[in-house]
Amino acid sequence: MVPPDCLFCKIVAGEVPSDEVASTEGTYAFRDIQPVAPTHVLVVPRRHIDHAGTLGSDPADAATLAEMFAAASEVARNEGVDATGYRLVFNVGEDAQNSVGHLHLHVLGGRRLDWPPG
């Protein structure tokens, strides 16, 4: 069930503006409004999925996840961080600071990313 107030669903539908980076049939990628790295792009599925912890409940999840990773790889190439390195991150739950209840994959790069994150 799609929550009526899902911010990312509204972004995908064009109801809320975003800085588009890439788009496929099943995904949409846009710049994070609070970037933590020079490249900080979110890749979201066009269909609503609550978070990575709910993946596997729908047979289409595997294809959606594969398309998200392919889109993230394209974003990394287009942003010029594929050669130097980048990080892909899913956050699940409040302790991980997951602030929007719609599956999203962070593509982070453009500088050295310390571990553990700071």
Protein backbone atom coordinates (compact mmCIF):
# COMPACT_ATOMS: atom_id res chain seq x y z
CA MET A 1 0.00 0.00 0.00
CA VAL A 2 1.33 3.40 -0.99
CA PRO A 3 1.19 5.97 1.83
CA PRO A 4 -0.61 9.09 0.53
CA ASP A 5 2.11 11.36 1.91
CA CYS A 6 5.15 9.51 0.48
CA LEU A 7 7.61 12.22 -0.55
CA PHE A 8 9.51 10.04 -3.03
CA CYS A 9 6.29 8.86 -4.70
CA LYS A 10 5.41 12.53 -5.16
CA ILE A 11 8.88 13.23 -6.60
CA VAL A 12 8.56 10.31 -9.03
CA ALA A 13 5.11 11.56 -10.06
CA GLY A 14 6.50 15.06 -10.69
CA GLU A 15 4.36 16.61 -7.94
CA VAL A 16 7.44 17.68 -5.98
CA PRO A 17 10.41 19.17 -7.86
CA SER A 18 13.76 17.40 -7.92
CA ASP A 19 17.11 17.66 -9.67
CA GLU A 20 16.91 14.65 -12.00
CA VAL A 21 20.13 12.77 -12.68
CA ALA A 22 18.88 9.63 -14.45
CA SER A 23 15.65 7.88 -15.27
CA THR A 24 14.72 4.38 -16.40
CA GLU A 25 11.43 2.59 -16.84
CA GLY A 26 11.51 1.36 -13.25
CA THR A 27 13.77 3.88 -11.45
CA TYR A 28 14.31 7.57 -10.94
CA ALA A 29 17.56 9.15 -9.69
CA PHE A 30 17.87 12.66 -8.26
CA ARG A 31 20.26 14.73 -6.17
CA ASP A 32 19.86 14.60 -2.39
CA ILE A 33 18.82 17.99 -0.98
CA GLN A 34 21.16 17.47 2.02
CA PRO A 35 24.28 15.98 0.39
CA VAL A 36 26.99 14.45 2.55
CA ALA A 37 29.44 14.13 -0.37
CA PRO A 38 30.07 16.03 -3.62
CA THR A 39 28.12 13.31 -5.42
CA HIS A 40 25.03 12.33 -3.43
CA VAL A 41 22.29 10.93 -5.61
CA LEU A 42 19.27 8.89 -4.57
CA VAL A 43 18.03 6.07 -6.79
CA VAL A 44 14.41 5.11 -6.07
CA PRO A 45 12.10 2.57 -7.63
CA ARG A 46 9.09 4.07 -9.37
CA ARG A 47 6.83 1.64 -7.52
CA HIS A 48 6.53 2.12 -3.79
CA ILE A 49 8.55 -0.25 -1.61
CA ASP A 50 8.79 0.70 2.06
CA HIS A 51 12.49 -0.09 2.63
CA ALA A 52 15.19 -2.66 1.95
CA GLY A 53 14.02 -4.77 4.88
CA THR A 54 10.77 -5.53 3.07
CA LEU A 55 12.42 -6.75 -0.15
CA GLY A 56 11.55 -10.29 -1.12
CA SER A 57 7.84 -10.06 -0.38
CA ASP A 58 7.01 -9.44 -4.06
CA PRO A 59 8.36 -11.54 -6.96
CA ALA A 60 9.17 -8.31 -8.85
CA ASP A 61 11.59 -7.17 -6.12
CA ALA A 62 14.62 -8.91 -7.63
CA ALA A 63 14.18 -7.16 -10.99
CA THR A 64 13.56 -3.83 -9.27
CA LEU A 65 16.70 -4.19 -7.18
CA ALA A 66 18.77 -5.16 -10.23
CA GLU A 67 17.47 -2.11 -12.10
CA MET A 68 18.31 0.13 -9.13
CA PHE A 69 21.91 -1.16 -9.07
CA ALA A 70 22.23 -0.69 -12.84
CA ALA A 71 20.93 2.88 -12.49
CA ALA A 72 23.38 3.54 -9.63
CA SER A 73 26.24 2.29 -11.79
CA GLU A 74 25.14 4.64 -14.60
CA VAL A 75 24.95 7.54 -12.13
CA ALA A 76 28.50 6.79 -10.91
CA ARG A 77 29.81 6.77 -14.50
CA ASN A 78 27.95 9.97 -15.44
CA GLU A 79 29.11 11.73 -12.26
CA GLY A 80 32.71 10.69 -12.89
CA VAL A 81 33.18 8.77 -9.63
CA ASP A 82 33.31 5.27 -11.08
CA ALA A 83 37.10 5.34 -11.50
CA THR A 84 37.93 6.77 -8.06
CA GLY A 85 35.30 4.93 -6.04
CA TYR A 86 31.86 5.42 -4.62
CA ARG A 87 29.62 4.00 -1.95
CA LEU A 88 26.13 2.51 -2.32
CA VAL A 89 24.00 2.65 0.84
CA PHE A 90 20.54 1.47 1.89
CA ASN A 91 19.34 2.74 5.27
CA VAL A 92 16.65 0.81 7.15
CA GLY A 93 14.91 2.20 10.22
CA GLU A 94 15.29 5.13 12.55
CA ASP A 95 18.69 4.13 13.98
CA ALA A 96 20.06 4.24 10.43
CA GLN A 97 18.47 7.68 9.95
CA ASN A 98 16.10 6.46 7.26
CA SER A 99 13.91 9.56 7.06
CA VAL A 100 11.71 8.70 4.04
CA GLY A 101 9.67 5.51 3.98
CA HIS A 102 10.34 4.65 0.34
CA LEU A 103 13.20 2.40 -0.72
CA HIS A 104 16.17 4.47 -1.87
CA LEU A 105 19.78 3.74 -2.71
CA HIS A 106 22.34 6.45 -1.92
CA VAL A 107 25.16 6.89 -4.45
CA LEU A 108 27.98 8.72 -2.64
CA GLY A 109 31.32 9.81 -4.05
CA GLY A 110 33.55 12.63 -5.15
CA ARG A 111 35.79 12.54 -2.07
CA ARG A 112 37.40 10.00 0.20
CA LEU A 113 34.65 8.47 2.32
CA ASP A 114 35.92 7.61 5.79
CA TRP A 115 34.90 4.43 7.55
CA PRO A 116 33.19 4.28 9.85
CA PRO A 117 31.16 7.25 8.62
CA GLY A 118 31.38 10.20 10.83
